[in-house]
Amino acid sequence: MGTITTTVSGRQCQAWASMTPHSHRQRDANFPDGSRAAAGSYCRNPNGSPVGPWCLTMDPKKRWEVCDVQLCTQPYGKMSYFMYKKCTSCTLNYSQLLA
């Protein structure tokens, strides 16, 4: 799993176990780490959003933002985010898809 803790614009991620500065309804079962506490402030995709890995930010004026996480090609050409253990080779960053 990945250890990125900043968003595409450089904002610091809020710890998932924290409700400050932004409250949320993400449950422990939604995290590949096993819990919100174990996920720390790492970029994750606990709700399966099509935008990919994201985090709540420490900026009170910006609730959440996507993270610049590398995409990986898995067997059979499927794309996945490198935060999952089965990735075999990273190919590009999420921000490159936005460009």
C-alpha atoms as a PDB file:
ATOM      1  CA  MET A   1       0.000   0.000   0.000  1.00  0.00           C
ATOM      2  CA  GLY A   2       1.127   3.502  -0.679  1.00  0.00           C
ATOM      3  CA  THR A   3       2.549   6.043   1.720  1.00  0.00           C
ATOM      4  CA  ILE A   4       1.736   9.314  -0.045  1.00  0.00           C
ATOM      5  CA  THR A   5       0.347  11.922   2.383  1.00  0.00           C
ATOM      6  CA  THR A   6      -0.070  14.961   0.134  1.00  0.00           C
ATOM      7  CA  THR A   7      -2.536  15.867  -2.602  1.00  0.00           C
ATOM      8  CA  VAL A   8      -1.863  16.868  -6.215  1.00  0.00           C
ATOM      9  CA  SER A   9      -1.640  20.503  -5.128  1.00  0.00           C
ATOM     10  CA  GLY A  10       0.639  19.736  -2.157  1.00  0.00           C
ATOM     11  CA  ARG A  11      -1.940  19.933   0.632  1.00  0.00           C
ATOM     12  CA  GLN A  12      -1.257  17.752   3.673  1.00  0.00           C
ATOM     13  CA  CYS A  13      -3.711  14.890   4.208  1.00  0.00           C
ATOM     14  CA  GLN A  14      -5.817  14.643   7.343  1.00  0.00           C
ATOM     15  CA  ALA A  15      -5.497  11.446   9.379  1.00  0.00           C
ATOM     16  CA  TRP A  16      -8.430   9.138   8.602  1.00  0.00           C
ATOM     17  CA  ALA A  17      -9.037   8.504  12.312  1.00  0.00           C
ATOM     18  CA  SER A  18      -9.432  12.245  12.894  1.00  0.00           C
ATOM     19  CA  MET A  19     -12.615  14.280  12.447  1.00  0.00           C
ATOM     20  CA  THR A  20     -10.736  17.589  12.354  1.00  0.00           C
ATOM     21  CA  PRO A  21     -10.789  19.795  10.378  1.00  0.00           C
ATOM     22  CA  HIS A  22     -13.263  17.669   8.352  1.00  0.00           C
ATOM     23  CA  SER A  23     -15.684  15.075   9.685  1.00  0.00           C
ATOM     24  CA  HIS A  24     -16.457  12.008   7.567  1.00  0.00           C
ATOM     25  CA  ARG A  25     -18.331   8.701   7.575  1.00  0.00           C
ATOM     26  CA  GLN A  26     -15.606   6.362   6.329  1.00  0.00           C
ATOM     27  CA  ARG A  27     -15.593   3.044   8.207  1.00  0.00           C
ATOM     28  CA  ASP A  28     -12.650   0.852   9.175  1.00  0.00           C
ATOM     29  CA  ALA A  29     -13.855  -1.900   6.828  1.00  0.00           C
ATOM     30  CA  ASN A  30     -13.379   0.428   3.829  1.00  0.00           C
ATOM     31  CA  PHE A  31      -9.601   0.556   4.219  1.00  0.00           C
ATOM     32  CA  PRO A  32      -7.168  -2.038   2.859  1.00  0.00           C
ATOM     33  CA  ASP A  33      -5.037  -1.285   5.942  1.00  0.00           C
ATOM     34  CA  GLY A  34      -7.760  -2.792   8.159  1.00  0.00           C
ATOM     35  CA  SER A  35      -8.737   0.395   9.966  1.00  0.00           C
ATOM     36  CA  ARG A  36      -8.814   4.185   9.732  1.00  0.00           C
ATOM     37  CA  ALA A  37      -6.084   4.375  12.364  1.00  0.00           C
ATOM     38  CA  ALA A  38      -3.823   2.028  10.395  1.00  0.00           C
ATOM     39  CA  ALA A  39      -4.416   4.094   7.227  1.00  0.00           C
ATOM     40  CA  GLY A  40      -2.868   7.097   8.979  1.00  0.00           C
ATOM     41  CA  SER A  41      -3.031  10.127   6.719  1.00  0.00           C
ATOM     42  CA  TYR A  42      -2.167   8.134   3.578  1.00  0.00           C
ATOM     43  CA  CYS A  43      -4.004   8.669   0.311  1.00  0.00           C
ATOM     44  CA  ARG A  44      -6.661   5.990  -0.038  1.00  0.00           C
ATOM     45  CA  ASN A  45      -9.891   5.343  -1.937  1.00  0.00           C
ATOM     46  CA  PRO A  46     -12.174   4.035   0.821  1.00  0.00           C
ATOM     47  CA  ASN A  47     -15.378   4.720  -1.088  1.00  0.00           C
ATOM     48  CA  GLY A  48     -14.248   3.315  -4.453  1.00  0.00           C
ATOM     49  CA  SER A  49     -14.420   6.702  -6.121  1.00  0.00           C
ATOM     50  CA  PRO A  50     -13.668   6.768  -9.861  1.00  0.00           C
ATOM     51  CA  VAL A  51     -11.253   9.668  -9.248  1.00  0.00           C
ATOM     52  CA  GLY A  52      -8.877   7.235  -7.547  1.00  0.00           C
ATOM     53  CA  PRO A  53      -6.914   7.725  -4.327  1.00  0.00           C
ATOM     54  CA  TRP A  54      -7.741  10.890  -2.426  1.00  0.00           C
ATOM     55  CA  CYS A  55      -7.710  12.279   1.083  1.00  0.00           C
ATOM     56  CA  LEU A  56      -9.381  14.799   3.291  1.00  0.00           C
ATOM     57  CA  THR A  57      -7.069  17.768   3.619  1.00  0.00           C
ATOM     58  CA  MET A  58      -5.771  19.700   6.607  1.00  0.00           C
ATOM     59  CA  ASP A  59      -6.912  22.873   4.850  1.00  0.00           C
ATOM     60  CA  PRO A  60     -10.217  23.907   6.479  1.00  0.00           C
ATOM     61  CA  LYS A  61     -11.264  25.519   3.183  1.00  0.00           C
ATOM     62  CA  LYS A  62     -10.615  22.419   1.027  1.00  0.00           C
ATOM     63  CA  ARG A  63     -12.473  19.305   2.198  1.00  0.00           C
ATOM     64  CA  TRP A  64     -10.801  16.715  -0.053  1.00  0.00           C
ATOM     65  CA  GLU A  65      -8.516  16.397  -3.047  1.00  0.00           C
ATOM     66  CA  VAL A  66      -7.065  13.650  -5.245  1.00  0.00           C
ATOM     67  CA  CYS A  67      -3.511  12.469  -4.755  1.00  0.00           C
ATOM     68  CA  ASP A  68      -0.761  12.036  -7.322  1.00  0.00           C
ATOM     69  CA  VAL A  69      -0.528   8.271  -6.983  1.00  0.00           C
ATOM     70  CA  GLN A  70       1.209   6.144  -9.599  1.00  0.00           C
ATOM     71  CA  LEU A  71      -0.927   3.808 -11.660  1.00  0.00           C
ATOM     72  CA  CYS A  72       0.216   0.259 -12.250  1.00  0.00           C
ATOM     73  CA  THR A  73      -0.451  -2.307 -14.915  1.00  0.00           C
ATOM     74  CA  GLN A  74      -1.496  -5.662 -13.567  1.00  0.00           C
ATOM     75  CA  PRO A  75      -1.639  -8.943 -15.485  1.00  0.00           C
ATOM     76  CA  TYR A  76      -4.226  -8.898 -18.273  1.00  0.00           C
ATOM     77  CA  GLY A  77      -3.739  -5.158 -18.776  1.00  0.00           C
ATOM     78  CA  LYS A  78      -5.980  -4.039 -15.930  1.00  0.00           C
ATOM     79  CA  MET A  79      -5.177  -0.691 -14.317  1.00  0.00           C
ATOM     80  CA  SER A  80      -4.950  -0.344 -10.579  1.00  0.00           C
ATOM     81  CA  TYR A  81      -3.523   2.106  -8.076  1.00  0.00           C
ATOM     82  CA  PHE A  82      -0.182   1.187  -6.536  1.00  0.00           C
ATOM     83  CA  MET A  83      -1.679   1.281  -3.059  1.00  0.00           C
ATOM     84  CA  TYR A  84      -2.837  -2.276  -3.698  1.00  0.00           C
ATOM     85  CA  LYS A  85      -0.280  -5.037  -3.215  1.00  0.00           C
ATOM     86  CA  LYS A  86      -0.689  -6.884  -6.541  1.00  0.00           C
ATOM     87  CA  CYS A  87       0.744  -4.166  -8.800  1.00  0.00           C
ATOM     88  CA  THR A  88       3.595  -5.268 -10.983  1.00  0.00           C
ATOM     89  CA  SER A  89       4.890  -2.147 -12.700  1.00  0.00           C
ATOM     90  CA  CYS A  90       4.116   1.530 -12.305  1.00  0.00           C
ATOM     91  CA  THR A  91       3.435   3.292 -15.565  1.00  0.00           C
ATOM     92  CA  LEU A  92       2.335   6.876 -14.917  1.00  0.00           C
ATOM     93  CA  ASN A  93       1.146   9.262 -12.255  1.00  0.00           C
ATOM     94  CA  TYR A  94      -2.484  10.203 -11.784  1.00  0.00           C
ATOM     95  CA  SER A  95      -1.636  13.858 -12.514  1.00  0.00           C
ATOM     96  CA  GLN A  96      -0.364  12.819 -15.952  1.00  0.00           C
ATOM     97  CA  LEU A  97      -3.869  11.598 -16.790  1.00  0.00           C
ATOM     98  CA  LEU A  98      -5.250  15.030 -15.922  1.00  0.00           C
ATOM     99  CA  ALA A  99      -2.806  16.872 -18.177  1.00  0.00           C
END
